Amino acid sequence: MTGVPDTDATIVNEPVAVRRVRFVVAYDGAAYAGFAVNRDVVTVAGVLTEALSTISRRAVQIVGAGRTDAGVHAWGQVVSCDLPASARLDDVIRRVNSMCGPTVVIRSGEWADDDFSARFSAEWRHYRYTVVNTPAPNPFLVRSAWHVWRPLSLPAMRLACDPLIGEHDFTAFCRLPDRQPGQGDPSMRRRVMMAKWSDVGTADTPGVLRFEIRANAFCHQMVRSIVALMIDVGVGKRHAGDIRPIMRSRDRSLIPTLAPARGLTLWEVGYPASSDDGTPGTATARR
């Protein structure tokens, strides 16, 4: 699949009753140049759009909960789109997974309210970052974890999480988007609900550390910047007490490196309870 929606005669854009659908999507980000549609490269949204448009025989536009970068994975990415009301979701999921799997799969799907948006209806996003802290890399985790051979202090990294909790300006941790003409710099204030490090290694797979962070939203490269700084704390190059002053400085140059994309996974997205009862009666006719 090219990642560019097909516009040939297979796509029929005649009026049809459609319904909003919500899919939970997982993907191996190493195979794609990010999530968002880009005609110059193959992306997750591109191949999903192409598959859903082909199956529906009409142009489908999808909205994602998070625009993950190239190499970033997802287990709980959420996308929304409009499909023909007559579609059988189990059949759609089976066909998409046949066309896009195993690197992109729909884990589940359900009909949603017409005003549901995977992006704007979300209350929080939850990311996981995996680090393998052993002298030698683990070949089975090389695509989904950052190998750090220098010993890390887990207590120091846990202490470094405390200043992140709450609502703060994360300019120091974010790549600023291009300023639109006539507009000022966008706000980098975000509300972090949870941030923690855990040792999830086992006897067979030792040295696996996991960072988890949940916030109402994330700015570009925020999690990878935070992880890079915390690894510096773990190896003793920085101190947990440095986190708050760096955050208050709003100086991006104080965090010159990024944690590799391969260790990051969009794990889950939270939404308010839906009022949709799943019956066909909420379908509306839209082009």
Protein backbone atom coordinates (compact mmCIF):
# COMPACT_ATOMS: atom_id res chain seq x y z
CA MET A 1 0.00 0.00 0.00
CA THR A 2 1.27 3.44 -0.91
CA GLY A 3 -0.29 5.41 1.90
CA VAL A 4 -2.01 7.73 -0.60
CA PRO A 5 -5.81 7.35 -0.79
CA ASP A 6 -6.97 5.92 -4.12
CA THR A 7 -9.07 8.33 -6.17
CA ASP A 8 -9.78 6.01 -9.08
CA ALA A 9 -13.18 4.70 -10.14
CA THR A 10 -13.30 2.39 -7.11
CA ILE A 11 -14.22 5.43 -4.98
CA VAL A 12 -17.88 6.43 -5.33
CA ASN A 13 -18.88 9.66 -3.58
CA GLU A 14 -22.63 9.47 -3.99
CA PRO A 15 -24.81 10.52 -1.01
CA VAL A 16 -25.11 7.71 1.50
CA ALA A 17 -26.17 7.42 5.13
CA VAL A 18 -23.04 7.41 7.24
CA ARG A 19 -22.19 7.03 10.90
CA ARG A 20 -19.26 8.08 13.02
CA VAL A 21 -17.04 5.19 14.09
CA ARG A 22 -14.28 4.94 16.67
CA PHE A 23 -11.38 2.52 16.11
CA VAL A 24 -8.57 1.56 18.47
CA VAL A 25 -5.44 1.09 16.37
CA ALA A 26 -2.03 -0.45 17.08
CA TYR A 27 1.04 -0.09 14.88
CA ASP A 28 4.77 -0.64 14.62
CA GLY A 29 6.01 2.87 14.01
CA ALA A 30 9.40 1.71 12.72
CA ALA A 31 7.76 0.93 9.40
CA TYR A 32 6.22 4.40 8.89
CA ALA A 33 7.16 8.06 8.58
CA GLY A 34 4.82 9.10 11.37
CA PHE A 35 1.05 9.02 11.74
CA ALA A 36 -0.26 11.99 9.76
CA VAL A 37 -1.05 11.68 6.04
CA ASN A 38 1.85 12.81 3.86
CA ARG A 39 1.82 12.19 0.12
CA ASP A 40 5.63 12.08 -0.05
CA VAL A 41 6.06 9.15 2.38
CA VAL A 42 4.18 6.15 3.74
CA THR A 43 2.39 6.95 7.00
CA VAL A 44 0.00 5.15 9.34
CA ALA A 45 -2.94 7.44 8.58
CA GLY A 46 -2.16 7.16 4.89
CA VAL A 47 -2.43 3.37 4.72
CA LEU A 48 -5.50 3.36 6.99
CA THR A 49 -7.20 5.99 4.85
CA GLU A 50 -6.43 4.07 1.69
CA ALA A 51 -7.75 0.80 3.13
CA LEU A 52 -10.95 2.28 4.57
CA SER A 53 -11.65 4.22 1.36
CA THR A 54 -11.19 1.10 -0.71
CA ILE A 55 -13.45 -0.98 1.52
CA SER A 56 -16.13 1.74 1.74
CA ARG A 57 -15.89 2.67 -1.96
CA ARG A 58 -15.94 6.33 -0.92
CA ALA A 59 -13.34 8.85 0.24
CA VAL A 60 -12.78 8.47 3.98
CA GLN A 61 -11.04 11.04 6.16
CA ILE A 62 -9.72 9.90 9.52
CA VAL A 63 -8.91 11.91 12.65
CA GLY A 64 -6.31 10.61 15.08
CA ALA A 65 -6.01 11.24 18.81
CA GLY A 66 -2.27 11.83 18.52
CA ARG A 67 0.11 12.72 15.68
CA THR A 68 2.95 10.36 16.57
CA ASP A 69 6.36 11.00 14.98
CA ALA A 70 8.25 8.69 12.65
CA GLY A 71 9.33 5.57 14.53
CA VAL A 72 6.89 6.03 17.43
CA HIS A 73 4.59 3.08 18.07
CA ALA A 74 1.01 2.82 19.29
CA TRP A 75 -1.03 0.24 21.14
CA GLY A 76 -4.04 2.43 21.88
CA GLN A 77 -4.16 5.09 19.15
CA VAL A 78 -7.77 6.12 18.53
CA VAL A 79 -9.09 7.24 15.15
CA SER A 80 -12.53 8.44 14.14
CA CYS A 81 -14.13 8.62 10.71
CA ASP A 82 -17.47 8.32 8.93
CA LEU A 83 -18.38 5.03 7.31
CA PRO A 84 -21.55 3.87 5.53
CA ALA A 85 -24.20 3.10 8.15
CA SER A 86 -24.73 -0.29 6.55
CA ALA A 87 -21.12 -1.34 7.17
CA ARG A 88 -20.46 -4.33 9.40
CA LEU A 89 -17.62 -3.23 11.67
CA ASP A 90 -16.33 -6.75 12.28
CA ASP A 91 -15.98 -7.22 8.53
CA VAL A 92 -14.33 -3.80 8.10
CA ILE A 93 -11.81 -4.60 10.83
CA ARG A 94 -11.02 -8.01 9.35
CA ARG A 95 -10.45 -6.54 5.88
CA VAL A 96 -8.33 -3.60 7.12
CA ASN A 97 -6.13 -5.95 9.14
CA SER A 98 -5.72 -8.19 6.10
CA MET A 99 -4.65 -5.20 4.00
CA CYS A 100 -2.49 -3.32 6.53
CA GLY A 101 -1.33 -5.95 9.03
CA PRO A 102 0.77 -6.90 10.75
CA THR A 103 2.38 -3.46 11.10
CA VAL A 104 -0.97 -1.63 11.38
CA VAL A 105 -4.06 -3.29 12.85
CA ILE A 106 -7.43 -2.22 14.18
CA ARG A 107 -7.83 -3.78 17.62
CA SER A 108 -11.49 -2.86 18.08
CA GLY A 109 -14.21 -0.61 16.74
CA GLU A 110 -17.58 0.77 17.76
CA TRP A 111 -20.17 3.23 16.52
CA ALA A 112 -19.96 6.61 18.23
CA ASP A 113 -21.98 9.80 18.55
CA ASP A 114 -21.94 12.00 15.44
CA ASP A 115 -20.02 14.73 17.27
CA PHE A 116 -17.28 12.38 18.52
CA SER A 117 -13.74 13.34 17.51
CA ALA A 118 -10.76 11.12 18.30
CA ARG A 119 -8.71 14.29 18.80
CA PHE A 120 -11.01 16.89 20.31
CA SER A 121 -13.14 14.58 22.47
CA ALA A 122 -10.08 13.10 24.22
CA GLU A 123 -9.60 13.94 27.89
CA TRP A 124 -6.08 12.54 28.20
CA ARG A 125 -3.32 10.65 26.40
CA HIS A 126 -1.09 8.05 28.03
CA TYR A 127 2.41 7.27 26.72
CA ARG A 128 4.91 4.58 27.68
CA TYR A 129 8.65 4.73 27.10
CA THR A 130 10.78 1.59 27.42
CA VAL A 131 14.48 1.53 28.32
CA VAL A 132 16.69 -1.57 28.40
CA ASN A 133 19.38 -0.93 31.01
CA THR A 134 21.80 -3.83 30.54
CA PRO A 135 25.44 -4.09 29.40
CA ALA A 136 24.39 -5.71 26.10
CA PRO A 137 21.33 -4.89 23.96
CA ASN A 138 18.33 -7.20 23.84
CA PRO A 139 17.81 -8.18 20.18
CA PHE A 140 14.13 -8.88 20.79
CA LEU A 141 13.48 -5.34 22.07
CA VAL A 142 15.69 -3.40 19.67
CA ARG A 143 12.69 -2.05 17.69
CA SER A 144 10.70 -0.97 20.75
CA ALA A 145 13.18 0.18 23.41
CA TRP A 146 16.18 2.43 23.96
CA HIS A 147 19.27 0.52 25.07
CA VAL A 148 21.23 2.45 27.73
CA TRP A 149 24.29 0.51 28.85
CA ARG A 150 25.40 2.84 31.67
CA PRO A 151 23.79 1.89 35.03
CA LEU A 152 20.75 4.03 35.87
CA SER A 153 19.58 5.13 39.33
CA LEU A 154 15.87 4.33 39.40
CA PRO A 155 15.28 6.20 42.71
CA ALA A 156 16.79 9.38 41.22
CA MET A 157 14.65 9.08 38.09
CA ARG A 158 11.53 8.52 40.19
CA LEU A 159 12.32 11.65 42.19
CA ALA A 160 12.69 13.59 38.95
CA CYS A 161 9.05 12.82 38.08
CA ASP A 162 7.59 14.90 40.91
CA PRO A 163 8.07 18.39 39.35
CA LEU A 164 6.20 17.29 36.21
CA ILE A 165 2.88 16.69 37.96
CA GLY A 166 0.34 19.47 37.56
CA GLU A 167 -0.18 22.20 34.97
CA HIS A 168 3.03 23.79 33.69
CA ASP A 169 4.56 25.52 30.71
CA PHE A 170 6.59 22.83 28.92
CA THR A 171 8.25 25.10 26.36
CA ALA A 172 11.68 23.83 27.45
CA PHE A 173 10.65 20.30 26.48
CA CYS A 174 8.85 21.01 23.22
CA ARG A 175 9.67 21.77 19.63
CA LEU A 176 7.70 24.91 18.85
CA PRO A 177 5.37 24.66 15.85
CA ASP A 178 5.67 27.15 13.02
CA ARG A 179 3.97 30.42 13.89
CA GLN A 180 0.97 31.19 11.70
CA PRO A 181 0.79 34.67 10.10
CA GLY A 182 -0.84 37.14 12.44
CA GLN A 183 -0.73 34.78 15.41
CA GLY A 184 1.48 34.64 18.48
CA ASP A 185 3.30 31.61 19.83
CA PRO A 186 0.88 28.82 20.79
CA SER A 187 0.59 27.91 24.45
CA MET A 188 2.82 25.08 25.65
CA ARG A 189 0.92 24.71 28.92
CA ARG A 190 -0.05 21.10 29.59
CA ARG A 191 -1.59 19.32 32.59
CA VAL A 192 0.31 16.18 33.60
CA MET A 193 -1.79 13.80 35.68
CA MET A 194 0.76 11.04 36.21
CA ALA A 195 4.46 10.41 35.63
CA LYS A 196 6.38 7.43 36.99
CA TRP A 197 9.23 4.98 36.39
CA SER A 198 8.89 1.24 37.01
CA ASP A 199 11.21 -1.75 36.81
CA VAL A 200 9.28 -4.25 34.69
CA GLY A 201 12.17 -6.61 34.05
CA THR A 202 11.91 -10.34 34.69
CA ALA A 203 14.39 -13.14 35.28
CA ASP A 204 14.34 -13.90 31.56
CA THR A 205 14.29 -10.26 30.46
CA PRO A 206 16.16 -8.21 33.08
CA GLY A 207 16.88 -4.50 33.11
CA VAL A 208 13.66 -3.31 31.48
CA LEU A 209 12.56 0.09 32.79
CA ARG A 210 9.29 1.76 31.88
CA PHE A 211 8.39 5.44 32.03
CA GLU A 212 4.68 6.27 31.95
CA ILE A 213 3.17 9.71 31.59
CA ARG A 214 -0.44 10.84 31.24
CA ALA A 215 -1.54 14.37 30.34
CA ASN A 216 -4.46 16.20 28.82
CA ALA A 217 -2.27 16.74 25.73
CA PHE A 218 1.37 16.72 24.66
CA CYS A 219 3.34 19.14 22.54
CA HIS A 220 5.76 18.01 19.84
CA GLN A 221 8.69 15.93 21.20
CA MET A 222 7.66 16.56 24.81
CA VAL A 223 7.88 12.97 26.07
CA ARG A 224 11.15 12.18 24.29
CA SER A 225 12.71 15.37 25.71
CA ILE A 226 11.56 14.48 29.23
CA VAL A 227 12.94 10.95 28.94
CA ALA A 228 16.30 12.19 27.63
CA LEU A 229 16.63 14.55 30.59
CA MET A 230 15.66 11.83 33.06
CA ILE A 231 18.24 9.44 31.64
CA ASP A 232 20.80 12.16 32.31
CA VAL A 233 19.52 12.20 35.90
CA GLY A 234 19.76 8.41 36.05
CA VAL A 235 23.42 8.32 34.98
CA GLY A 236 24.34 11.23 37.29
CA LYS A 237 24.89 13.95 34.67
CA ARG A 238 21.94 15.93 36.03
CA HIS A 239 20.07 16.00 39.34
CA ALA A 240 16.37 15.59 40.07
CA GLY A 241 16.47 19.14 41.44
CA ASP A 242 17.35 20.42 37.95
CA ILE A 243 13.96 19.52 36.48
CA ARG A 244 11.93 22.38 37.93
CA PRO A 245 14.44 25.16 37.08
CA ILE A 246 14.75 23.87 33.51
CA MET A 247 10.98 23.81 33.18
CA ARG A 248 10.69 27.36 34.53
CA SER A 249 13.44 28.61 32.21
CA ARG A 250 11.41 27.79 29.06
CA ASP A 251 14.80 27.38 27.38
CA ARG A 252 14.77 24.58 24.79
CA SER A 253 18.57 24.63 24.50
CA LEU A 254 18.91 23.16 28.00
CA ILE A 255 17.72 19.81 26.62
CA PRO A 256 19.84 19.36 23.49
CA THR A 257 19.07 15.68 22.88
CA LEU A 258 15.97 13.53 22.31
CA ALA A 259 15.34 9.98 23.43
CA PRO A 260 15.06 7.72 20.35
CA ALA A 261 11.59 7.43 18.86
CA ARG A 262 11.64 3.62 18.93
CA GLY A 263 11.17 3.47 22.71
CA LEU A 264 7.94 5.49 22.72
CA THR A 265 4.43 4.06 22.49
CA LEU A 266 1.07 5.82 22.56
CA TRP A 267 -0.52 3.40 24.99
CA GLU A 268 -4.04 4.66 25.68
CA VAL A 269 -6.41 7.58 25.13
CA GLY A 270 -9.18 8.49 27.57
CA TYR A 271 -12.65 9.78 26.69
CA PRO A 272 -15.85 10.65 28.57
CA ALA A 273 -18.52 7.95 28.63
CA SER A 274 -20.41 7.82 25.32
CA SER A 275 -24.17 8.33 25.21
CA ASP A 276 -24.50 6.47 21.90
CA ASP A 277 -26.53 3.28 22.24
CA GLY A 278 -25.06 1.65 19.16
CA THR A 279 -28.34 1.51 17.25
CA PRO A 280 -28.62 2.47 13.56
CA GLY A 281 -31.08 5.23 14.38
CA THR A 282 -28.33 7.83 14.86
CA ALA A 283 -27.08 7.54 11.27
CA THR A 284 -27.19 10.74 9.22
CA ALA A 285 -26.94 11.26 5.46
CA ARG A 286 -23.76 13.15 4.59
CA ARG A 287 -21.58 13.35 1.52
